[in-house]
Amino acid sequence: MSKVSAIICITLIASMAIQPSEAGVGHWIAGAAAAVTAVAIVPAALGFGALGIASGSIGAGMMSASAIANGGGVLTGGVVATLQSVGVAGASYSTYAAAAAAGGAAVDYFTN
């Protein structure tokens, strides 16, 4: 199964588990899709990629600020390290599922 079809399955399963309001099913699906798309696109847009952090990018500035704030090193498990991990290896299925559930629920909540 490809990663895309697995993400679609996770999104559909999450949508059945949360049970959005009847009027908000379309909103919930749109929110879930937007959140899953953001998880895939945002790290690359910030400069976190498979070859490392792009020079002069927002990610490079984040790494510099993190290193200065932490005495010369970047925290393991911190925001910069997590975004770099996602940039190199992609997000896990559980991350996509959590994003789908949170995005769908948030849009459903704020539109109803």
Protein backbone atom coordinates (compact mmCIF):
# COMPACT_ATOMS: atom_id res chain seq x y z
CA MET A 1 0.00 0.00 0.00
CA SER A 2 1.39 3.39 -0.91
CA LYS A 3 1.83 6.09 1.72
CA VAL A 4 -0.85 8.25 0.08
CA SER A 5 -3.49 5.49 0.14
CA ALA A 6 -2.57 4.66 3.72
CA ILE A 7 -3.03 8.32 4.69
CA ILE A 8 -6.43 8.39 2.98
CA CYS A 9 -7.46 5.25 4.90
CA ILE A 10 -6.27 6.76 8.19
CA THR A 11 -8.19 9.96 7.48
CA LEU A 12 -11.38 8.04 6.75
CA ILE A 13 -11.01 5.88 9.87
CA ALA A 14 -10.35 8.95 12.00
CA SER A 15 -13.42 10.64 10.52
CA MET A 16 -15.60 7.71 11.58
CA ALA A 17 -14.13 7.66 15.09
CA ILE A 18 -14.69 11.36 15.84
CA GLN A 19 -18.24 11.54 14.44
CA PRO A 20 -18.50 15.11 13.21
CA SER A 21 -21.85 16.83 13.33
CA GLU A 22 -24.13 16.04 10.39
CA ALA A 23 -23.87 19.52 8.93
CA GLY A 24 -20.08 19.56 9.31
CA VAL A 25 -19.00 16.38 7.51
CA GLY A 26 -17.75 18.35 4.50
CA HIS A 27 -16.03 20.85 6.77
CA TRP A 28 -14.44 18.03 8.77
CA ILE A 29 -13.07 16.35 5.65
CA ALA A 30 -11.71 19.67 4.35
CA GLY A 31 -10.02 20.38 7.68
CA ALA A 32 -8.54 16.90 7.83
CA ALA A 33 -7.22 17.17 4.27
CA ALA A 34 -5.73 20.62 4.92
CA ALA A 35 -3.98 19.44 8.08
CA VAL A 36 -2.53 16.34 6.40
CA THR A 37 -1.33 18.48 3.50
CA ALA A 38 0.27 20.96 5.90
CA VAL A 39 2.18 18.18 7.67
CA ALA A 40 3.63 17.16 4.32
CA ILE A 41 4.37 20.65 2.95
CA VAL A 42 5.30 22.94 5.87
CA PRO A 43 8.70 21.39 6.74
CA ALA A 44 9.88 21.66 3.13
CA ALA A 45 8.54 25.21 2.84
CA LEU A 46 10.56 26.17 5.93
CA GLY A 47 13.73 24.69 4.41
CA PHE A 48 13.88 21.27 6.11
CA GLY A 49 14.68 18.73 3.40
CA ALA A 50 16.20 15.36 2.67
CA LEU A 51 19.68 16.87 2.29
CA GLY A 52 19.52 18.93 5.49
CA ILE A 53 18.42 22.44 6.29
CA ALA A 54 18.62 24.80 3.31
CA SER A 55 21.06 27.66 3.69
CA GLY A 56 19.38 31.02 4.26
CA SER A 57 15.95 29.46 4.92
CA ILE A 58 13.60 30.04 7.82
CA GLY A 59 14.70 26.61 9.07
CA ALA A 60 18.33 27.77 9.13
CA GLY A 61 17.32 30.78 11.23
CA MET A 62 15.35 28.52 13.56
CA MET A 63 18.34 26.22 13.94
CA SER A 64 20.66 29.14 14.66
CA ALA A 65 18.30 30.59 17.27
CA SER A 66 17.86 27.17 18.88
CA ALA A 67 21.60 26.58 19.04
CA ILE A 68 22.25 30.01 20.56
CA ALA A 69 19.48 29.53 23.13
CA ASN A 70 20.78 26.10 24.11
CA GLY A 71 24.47 26.84 24.46
CA GLY A 72 25.56 25.72 21.00
CA GLY A 73 23.46 22.61 20.43
CA VAL A 74 20.01 21.84 19.11
CA LEU A 75 17.72 20.04 21.56
CA THR A 76 16.95 16.41 20.77
CA GLY A 77 13.21 16.14 20.23
CA GLY A 78 12.82 19.91 19.93
CA VAL A 79 10.94 21.72 17.18
CA VAL A 80 13.97 22.08 14.90
CA ALA A 81 15.04 18.45 15.33
CA THR A 82 11.50 17.21 14.75
CA LEU A 83 11.01 19.30 11.61
CA GLN A 84 14.38 18.11 10.28
CA SER A 85 13.39 14.51 10.95
CA VAL A 86 10.13 15.01 9.05
CA GLY A 87 12.03 16.76 6.24
CA VAL A 88 14.42 13.81 5.87
CA ALA A 89 12.18 10.80 6.47
CA GLY A 90 8.64 12.14 6.21
CA ALA A 91 6.04 12.02 8.94
CA SER A 92 4.79 8.80 10.50
CA TYR A 93 1.32 7.43 9.86
CA SER A 94 0.34 8.29 13.43
CA THR A 95 1.37 11.92 12.82
CA TYR A 96 -0.84 12.08 9.74
CA ALA A 97 -3.71 10.47 11.66
CA ALA A 98 -3.34 12.95 14.53
CA ALA A 99 -3.21 15.86 12.09
CA ALA A 100 -6.30 14.61 10.26
CA ALA A 101 -8.24 14.19 13.50
CA ALA A 102 -7.16 17.56 14.90
CA GLY A 103 -7.71 19.46 11.65
CA GLY A 104 -11.10 17.93 11.03
CA ALA A 105 -12.29 18.42 14.58
CA ALA A 106 -11.05 22.03 14.69
CA VAL A 107 -12.77 23.04 11.46
CA ASP A 108 -15.97 21.23 12.50
CA TYR A 109 -15.91 22.95 15.90
CA PHE A 110 -15.31 26.46 14.56
CA THR A 111 -17.84 26.20 11.72
CA ASN A 112 -20.75 24.81 13.74
